[in-house]
Amino acid sequence: MEHDEIYTMMMDALDGELSATDHGELESHLRACLFCAREWQALLAIDALFRQTPALSPAVDFAQRTLARLPNRRYRLWIISAVYILLLLSGALPLLLVAWAVSRFGPIMSEPAAVPDLLASIERTLQVTGTVMRALLSAIGEFLIQQPAVPGWLLVMAGIVFLWSGIYQQLVSQPRQVQ
């Protein structure tokens, strides 16, 4: 008999679901196999500890205290507004960088040979970028053909994130009880 079957029989014996004939087989195997006998003793000790441990339950006011610790709606709106202002200002940052680059490199660009060389350099960069992107997209396509479960798992994970996001929003938007 395989050790996996014996281990399953041990689990059934701990749950009280082992038949008398299987119990006899288990006992005879435990007398013959020292490794399984040690495993059985360890399982019995763990089971005894679990049975002696009292069941724990959360405090009576756990839910109210947890909801009270969630962020304040006014504070949350202030944080969101600050993030939007930061994003608005970061949109101006590229414009400032372009103005700085034009003022810094403007004299260099006025040279007659600089513009064609720059355009040739940009063209080569775009060609290399296009080749790399085609290879990357081809590799991704091959991967998805070989592993069709990957997009499914990604969709499942995104669904779980959206589900818990909705649950969190409902918890936060619930009116608080004043005590």
C-alpha atoms as a PDB file:
ATOM      1  CA  MET A   1       0.000   0.000   0.000  1.00  0.00           C
ATOM      2  CA  GLU A   2       1.282   3.499  -0.872  1.00  0.00           C
ATOM      3  CA  HIS A   3       2.167   6.005   1.832  1.00  0.00           C
ATOM      4  CA  ASP A   4      -0.232   8.531   0.249  1.00  0.00           C
ATOM      5  CA  GLU A   5      -3.112   6.117   0.826  1.00  0.00           C
ATOM      6  CA  ILE A   6      -1.994   5.576   4.412  1.00  0.00           C
ATOM      7  CA  TYR A   7      -1.821   9.329   4.947  1.00  0.00           C
ATOM      8  CA  THR A   8      -5.381   9.662   3.612  1.00  0.00           C
ATOM      9  CA  MET A   9      -6.457   6.910   5.988  1.00  0.00           C
ATOM     10  CA  MET A  10      -4.795   8.808   8.863  1.00  0.00           C
ATOM     11  CA  MET A  11      -6.778  11.929   7.998  1.00  0.00           C
ATOM     12  CA  ASP A  12     -10.001   9.907   7.830  1.00  0.00           C
ATOM     13  CA  ALA A  13      -9.184   8.312  11.203  1.00  0.00           C
ATOM     14  CA  LEU A  14      -8.669  11.747  12.775  1.00  0.00           C
ATOM     15  CA  ASP A  15     -12.042  12.838  11.392  1.00  0.00           C
ATOM     16  CA  GLY A  16     -13.696   9.636  12.686  1.00  0.00           C
ATOM     17  CA  GLU A  17     -14.662   8.538   9.177  1.00  0.00           C
ATOM     18  CA  LEU A  18     -12.490   5.423   8.844  1.00  0.00           C
ATOM     19  CA  SER A  19     -14.214   2.026   8.510  1.00  0.00           C
ATOM     20  CA  ALA A  20     -13.259  -0.867  10.795  1.00  0.00           C
ATOM     21  CA  THR A  21     -11.462  -2.805   8.034  1.00  0.00           C
ATOM     22  CA  ASP A  22      -9.480   0.281   6.982  1.00  0.00           C
ATOM     23  CA  HIS A  23      -8.700   0.956  10.639  1.00  0.00           C
ATOM     24  CA  GLY A  24      -7.219  -2.553  10.918  1.00  0.00           C
ATOM     25  CA  GLU A  25      -5.097  -1.964   7.792  1.00  0.00           C
ATOM     26  CA  LEU A  26      -3.910   1.354   9.196  1.00  0.00           C
ATOM     27  CA  GLU A  27      -2.950  -0.222  12.532  1.00  0.00           C
ATOM     28  CA  SER A  28      -1.019  -3.032  10.853  1.00  0.00           C
ATOM     29  CA  HIS A  29       0.832  -0.576   8.597  1.00  0.00           C
ATOM     30  CA  LEU A  30       1.690   1.674  11.552  1.00  0.00           C
ATOM     31  CA  ARG A  31       3.209  -1.321  13.383  1.00  0.00           C
ATOM     32  CA  ALA A  32       5.299  -2.165  10.294  1.00  0.00           C
ATOM     33  CA  CYS A  33       6.361   1.315   9.145  1.00  0.00           C
ATOM     34  CA  LEU A  34       8.293   3.442  11.633  1.00  0.00           C
ATOM     35  CA  PHE A  35       8.062   6.591   9.477  1.00  0.00           C
ATOM     36  CA  CYS A  36       4.257   6.428   9.274  1.00  0.00           C
ATOM     37  CA  ALA A  37       4.026   5.618  12.993  1.00  0.00           C
ATOM     38  CA  ARG A  38       5.990   8.794  13.816  1.00  0.00           C
ATOM     39  CA  GLU A  39       3.780  10.777  11.445  1.00  0.00           C
ATOM     40  CA  TRP A  40       0.667   9.357  13.111  1.00  0.00           C
ATOM     41  CA  GLN A  41       1.954  10.293  16.582  1.00  0.00           C
ATOM     42  CA  ALA A  42       2.685  13.838  15.393  1.00  0.00           C
ATOM     43  CA  LEU A  43      -0.796  14.129  13.868  1.00  0.00           C
ATOM     44  CA  LEU A  44      -2.391  12.897  17.084  1.00  0.00           C
ATOM     45  CA  ALA A  45      -0.419  15.451  19.111  1.00  0.00           C
ATOM     46  CA  ILE A  46      -1.432  18.287  16.771  1.00  0.00           C
ATOM     47  CA  ASP A  47      -5.060  17.148  16.825  1.00  0.00           C
ATOM     48  CA  ALA A  48      -5.030  17.093  20.631  1.00  0.00           C
ATOM     49  CA  LEU A  49      -3.616  20.633  20.722  1.00  0.00           C
ATOM     50  CA  PHE A  50      -6.311  21.876  18.354  1.00  0.00           C
ATOM     51  CA  ARG A  51      -9.048  20.250  20.409  1.00  0.00           C
ATOM     52  CA  GLN A  52      -7.708  21.833  23.623  1.00  0.00           C
ATOM     53  CA  THR A  53      -7.395  25.330  22.144  1.00  0.00           C
ATOM     54  CA  PRO A  54     -10.487  27.466  22.753  1.00  0.00           C
ATOM     55  CA  ALA A  55     -12.165  28.991  19.721  1.00  0.00           C
ATOM     56  CA  LEU A  56     -11.424  32.690  19.358  1.00  0.00           C
ATOM     57  CA  SER A  57     -13.932  35.252  18.219  1.00  0.00           C
ATOM     58  CA  PRO A  58     -13.400  38.936  17.425  1.00  0.00           C
ATOM     59  CA  ALA A  59     -14.260  41.606  19.949  1.00  0.00           C
ATOM     60  CA  VAL A  60     -17.876  42.723  20.064  1.00  0.00           C
ATOM     61  CA  ASP A  61     -17.186  46.212  18.690  1.00  0.00           C
ATOM     62  CA  PHE A  62     -14.531  45.119  16.153  1.00  0.00           C
ATOM     63  CA  ALA A  63     -16.555  46.170  13.083  1.00  0.00           C
ATOM     64  CA  GLN A  64     -17.425  49.606  14.504  1.00  0.00           C
ATOM     65  CA  ARG A  65     -13.830  50.303  15.522  1.00  0.00           C
ATOM     66  CA  THR A  66     -12.526  49.227  12.113  1.00  0.00           C
ATOM     67  CA  LEU A  67     -15.013  51.414  10.247  1.00  0.00           C
ATOM     68  CA  ALA A  68     -14.180  54.334  12.527  1.00  0.00           C
ATOM     69  CA  ARG A  69     -10.496  54.037  11.601  1.00  0.00           C
ATOM     70  CA  LEU A  70     -11.183  54.307   7.867  1.00  0.00           C
ATOM     71  CA  PRO A  71     -10.120  57.616   6.340  1.00  0.00           C
ATOM     72  CA  ASN A  72     -12.328  60.640   6.709  1.00  0.00           C
ATOM     73  CA  ARG A  73     -14.270  61.565   3.541  1.00  0.00           C
ATOM     74  CA  ARG A  74     -13.133  65.212   3.694  1.00  0.00           C
ATOM     75  CA  TYR A  75      -9.507  64.144   4.126  1.00  0.00           C
ATOM     76  CA  ARG A  76      -9.868  61.696   1.249  1.00  0.00           C
ATOM     77  CA  LEU A  77     -11.280  64.431  -1.025  1.00  0.00           C
ATOM     78  CA  TRP A  78      -8.370  66.678  -0.049  1.00  0.00           C
ATOM     79  CA  ILE A  79      -5.868  63.956  -0.967  1.00  0.00           C
ATOM     80  CA  ILE A  80      -7.583  63.283  -4.316  1.00  0.00           C
ATOM     81  CA  SER A  81      -7.597  67.006  -5.091  1.00  0.00           C
ATOM     82  CA  ALA A  82      -3.892  67.240  -4.274  1.00  0.00           C
ATOM     83  CA  VAL A  83      -3.161  64.315  -6.603  1.00  0.00           C
ATOM     84  CA  TYR A  84      -5.143  65.946  -9.425  1.00  0.00           C
ATOM     85  CA  ILE A  85      -3.300  69.245  -8.945  1.00  0.00           C
ATOM     86  CA  LEU A  86       0.006  67.374  -8.975  1.00  0.00           C
ATOM     87  CA  LEU A  87      -0.989  65.636 -12.202  1.00  0.00           C
ATOM     88  CA  LEU A  88      -2.015  68.972 -13.720  1.00  0.00           C
ATOM     89  CA  LEU A  89       1.322  70.487 -12.801  1.00  0.00           C
ATOM     90  CA  SER A  90       3.202  67.463 -14.080  1.00  0.00           C
ATOM     91  CA  GLY A  91       1.490  68.016 -17.445  1.00  0.00           C
ATOM     92  CA  ALA A  92       3.210  71.405 -17.583  1.00  0.00           C
ATOM     93  CA  LEU A  93       6.580  69.869 -16.793  1.00  0.00           C
ATOM     94  CA  PRO A  94       7.149  68.454 -20.316  1.00  0.00           C
ATOM     95  CA  LEU A  95       6.411  71.892 -21.783  1.00  0.00           C
ATOM     96  CA  LEU A  96       9.005  73.439 -19.489  1.00  0.00           C
ATOM     97  CA  LEU A  97      11.542  70.775 -20.482  1.00  0.00           C
ATOM     98  CA  VAL A  98      10.938  71.447 -24.195  1.00  0.00           C
ATOM     99  CA  ALA A  99      11.380  75.206 -23.664  1.00  0.00           C
ATOM    100  CA  TRP A 100      14.637  74.559 -21.785  1.00  0.00           C
ATOM    101  CA  ALA A 101      15.884  72.185 -24.526  1.00  0.00           C
ATOM    102  CA  VAL A 102      15.096  74.726 -27.276  1.00  0.00           C
ATOM    103  CA  SER A 103      16.915  77.497 -25.423  1.00  0.00           C
ATOM    104  CA  ARG A 104      19.862  75.233 -24.641  1.00  0.00           C
ATOM    105  CA  PHE A 105      20.235  73.441 -27.984  1.00  0.00           C
ATOM    106  CA  GLY A 106      18.777  76.111 -30.316  1.00  0.00           C
ATOM    107  CA  PRO A 107      22.153  77.466 -31.408  1.00  0.00           C
ATOM    108  CA  ILE A 108      23.385  73.973 -32.251  1.00  0.00           C
ATOM    109  CA  MET A 109      20.325  73.342 -34.409  1.00  0.00           C
ATOM    110  CA  SER A 110      21.019  76.454 -36.487  1.00  0.00           C
ATOM    111  CA  GLU A 111      24.094  74.756 -38.004  1.00  0.00           C
ATOM    112  CA  PRO A 112      23.321  73.669 -41.605  1.00  0.00           C
ATOM    113  CA  ALA A 113      24.598  70.055 -41.205  1.00  0.00           C
ATOM    114  CA  ALA A 114      22.947  69.413 -37.831  1.00  0.00           C
ATOM    115  CA  VAL A 115      19.346  69.123 -39.048  1.00  0.00           C
ATOM    116  CA  PRO A 116      19.918  66.358 -41.680  1.00  0.00           C
ATOM    117  CA  ASP A 117      22.116  64.419 -39.251  1.00  0.00           C
ATOM    118  CA  LEU A 118      19.483  64.760 -36.532  1.00  0.00           C
ATOM    119  CA  LEU A 119      16.728  63.607 -38.887  1.00  0.00           C
ATOM    120  CA  ALA A 120      18.841  60.603 -39.967  1.00  0.00           C
ATOM    121  CA  SER A 121      19.475  59.754 -36.331  1.00  0.00           C
ATOM    122  CA  ILE A 122      15.753  60.007 -35.524  1.00  0.00           C
ATOM    123  CA  GLU A 123      14.930  57.807 -38.531  1.00  0.00           C
ATOM    124  CA  ARG A 124      17.397  55.111 -37.411  1.00  0.00           C
ATOM    125  CA  THR A 125      16.037  55.281 -33.871  1.00  0.00           C
ATOM    126  CA  LEU A 126      12.482  54.840 -35.154  1.00  0.00           C
ATOM    127  CA  GLN A 127      13.553  51.882 -37.305  1.00  0.00           C
ATOM    128  CA  VAL A 128      15.210  50.160 -34.360  1.00  0.00           C
ATOM    129  CA  THR A 129      12.226  50.919 -32.133  1.00  0.00           C
ATOM    130  CA  GLY A 130       9.856  49.511 -34.767  1.00  0.00           C
ATOM    131  CA  THR A 131      11.921  46.339 -35.095  1.00  0.00           C
ATOM    132  CA  VAL A 132      12.030  45.861 -31.326  1.00  0.00           C
ATOM    133  CA  MET A 133       8.277  46.498 -30.994  1.00  0.00           C
ATOM    134  CA  ARG A 134       7.463  44.025 -33.805  1.00  0.00           C
ATOM    135  CA  ALA A 135       9.646  41.376 -32.147  1.00  0.00           C
ATOM    136  CA  LEU A 136       8.111  42.063 -28.734  1.00  0.00           C
ATOM    137  CA  LEU A 137       4.534  41.900 -30.030  1.00  0.00           C
ATOM    138  CA  SER A 138       5.343  38.742 -31.988  1.00  0.00           C
ATOM    139  CA  ALA A 139       6.792  37.119 -28.860  1.00  0.00           C
ATOM    140  CA  ILE A 140       3.751  38.140 -26.815  1.00  0.00           C
ATOM    141  CA  GLY A 141       1.454  36.715 -29.500  1.00  0.00           C
ATOM    142  CA  GLU A 142       3.367  33.421 -29.542  1.00  0.00           C
ATOM    143  CA  PHE A 143       3.267  33.253 -25.751  1.00  0.00           C
ATOM    144  CA  LEU A 144      -0.489  33.813 -25.710  1.00  0.00           C
ATOM    145  CA  ILE A 145      -0.967  31.132 -28.366  1.00  0.00           C
ATOM    146  CA  GLN A 146       1.112  28.659 -26.358  1.00  0.00           C
ATOM    147  CA  GLN A 147      -0.370  29.658 -22.975  1.00  0.00           C
ATOM    148  CA  PRO A 148      -4.043  30.576 -23.552  1.00  0.00           C
ATOM    149  CA  ALA A 149      -4.844  30.438 -19.828  1.00  0.00           C
ATOM    150  CA  VAL A 150      -2.691  33.496 -19.039  1.00  0.00           C
ATOM    151  CA  PRO A 151      -5.166  36.132 -20.357  1.00  0.00           C
ATOM    152  CA  GLY A 152      -7.981  34.286 -18.599  1.00  0.00           C
ATOM    153  CA  TRP A 153      -6.166  34.405 -15.270  1.00  0.00           C
ATOM    154  CA  LEU A 154      -5.346  38.082 -15.792  1.00  0.00           C
ATOM    155  CA  LEU A 155      -9.039  38.784 -16.395  1.00  0.00           C
ATOM    156  CA  VAL A 156      -9.984  36.805 -13.284  1.00  0.00           C
ATOM    157  CA  MET A 157      -7.468  38.761 -11.182  1.00  0.00           C
ATOM    158  CA  ALA A 158      -8.726  42.078 -12.587  1.00  0.00           C
ATOM    159  CA  GLY A 159     -12.289  41.008 -11.774  1.00  0.00           C
ATOM    160  CA  ILE A 160     -11.307  40.199  -8.201  1.00  0.00           C
ATOM    161  CA  VAL A 161      -9.628  43.591  -7.830  1.00  0.00           C
ATOM    162  CA  PHE A 162     -12.709  45.395  -9.164  1.00  0.00           C
ATOM    163  CA  LEU A 163     -15.016  43.328  -6.955  1.00  0.00           C
ATOM    164  CA  TRP A 164     -13.081  44.101  -3.761  1.00  0.00           C
ATOM    165  CA  SER A 165     -12.762  47.729  -4.804  1.00  0.00           C
ATOM    166  CA  GLY A 166     -16.546  47.923  -4.982  1.00  0.00           C
ATOM    167  CA  ILE A 167     -16.927  46.237  -1.604  1.00  0.00           C
ATOM    168  CA  TYR A 168     -14.418  48.657  -0.063  1.00  0.00           C
ATOM    169  CA  GLN A 169     -16.250  51.635  -1.559  1.00  0.00           C
ATOM    170  CA  GLN A 170     -19.544  50.388  -0.124  1.00  0.00           C
ATOM    171  CA  LEU A 171     -17.957  49.980   3.311  1.00  0.00           C
ATOM    172  CA  VAL A 172     -16.466  53.454   3.203  1.00  0.00           C
ATOM    173  CA  SER A 173     -19.657  55.096   1.955  1.00  0.00           C
ATOM    174  CA  GLN A 174     -21.846  53.598   4.699  1.00  0.00           C
ATOM    175  CA  PRO A 175     -23.049  56.230   7.162  1.00  0.00           C
ATOM    176  CA  ARG A 176     -21.338  56.068  10.531  1.00  0.00           C
ATOM    177  CA  GLN A 177     -23.252  55.837  13.746  1.00  0.00           C
ATOM    178  CA  VAL A 178     -22.478  58.612  16.214  1.00  0.00           C
ATOM    179  CA  GLN A 179     -21.946  57.262  19.712  1.00  0.00           C
END
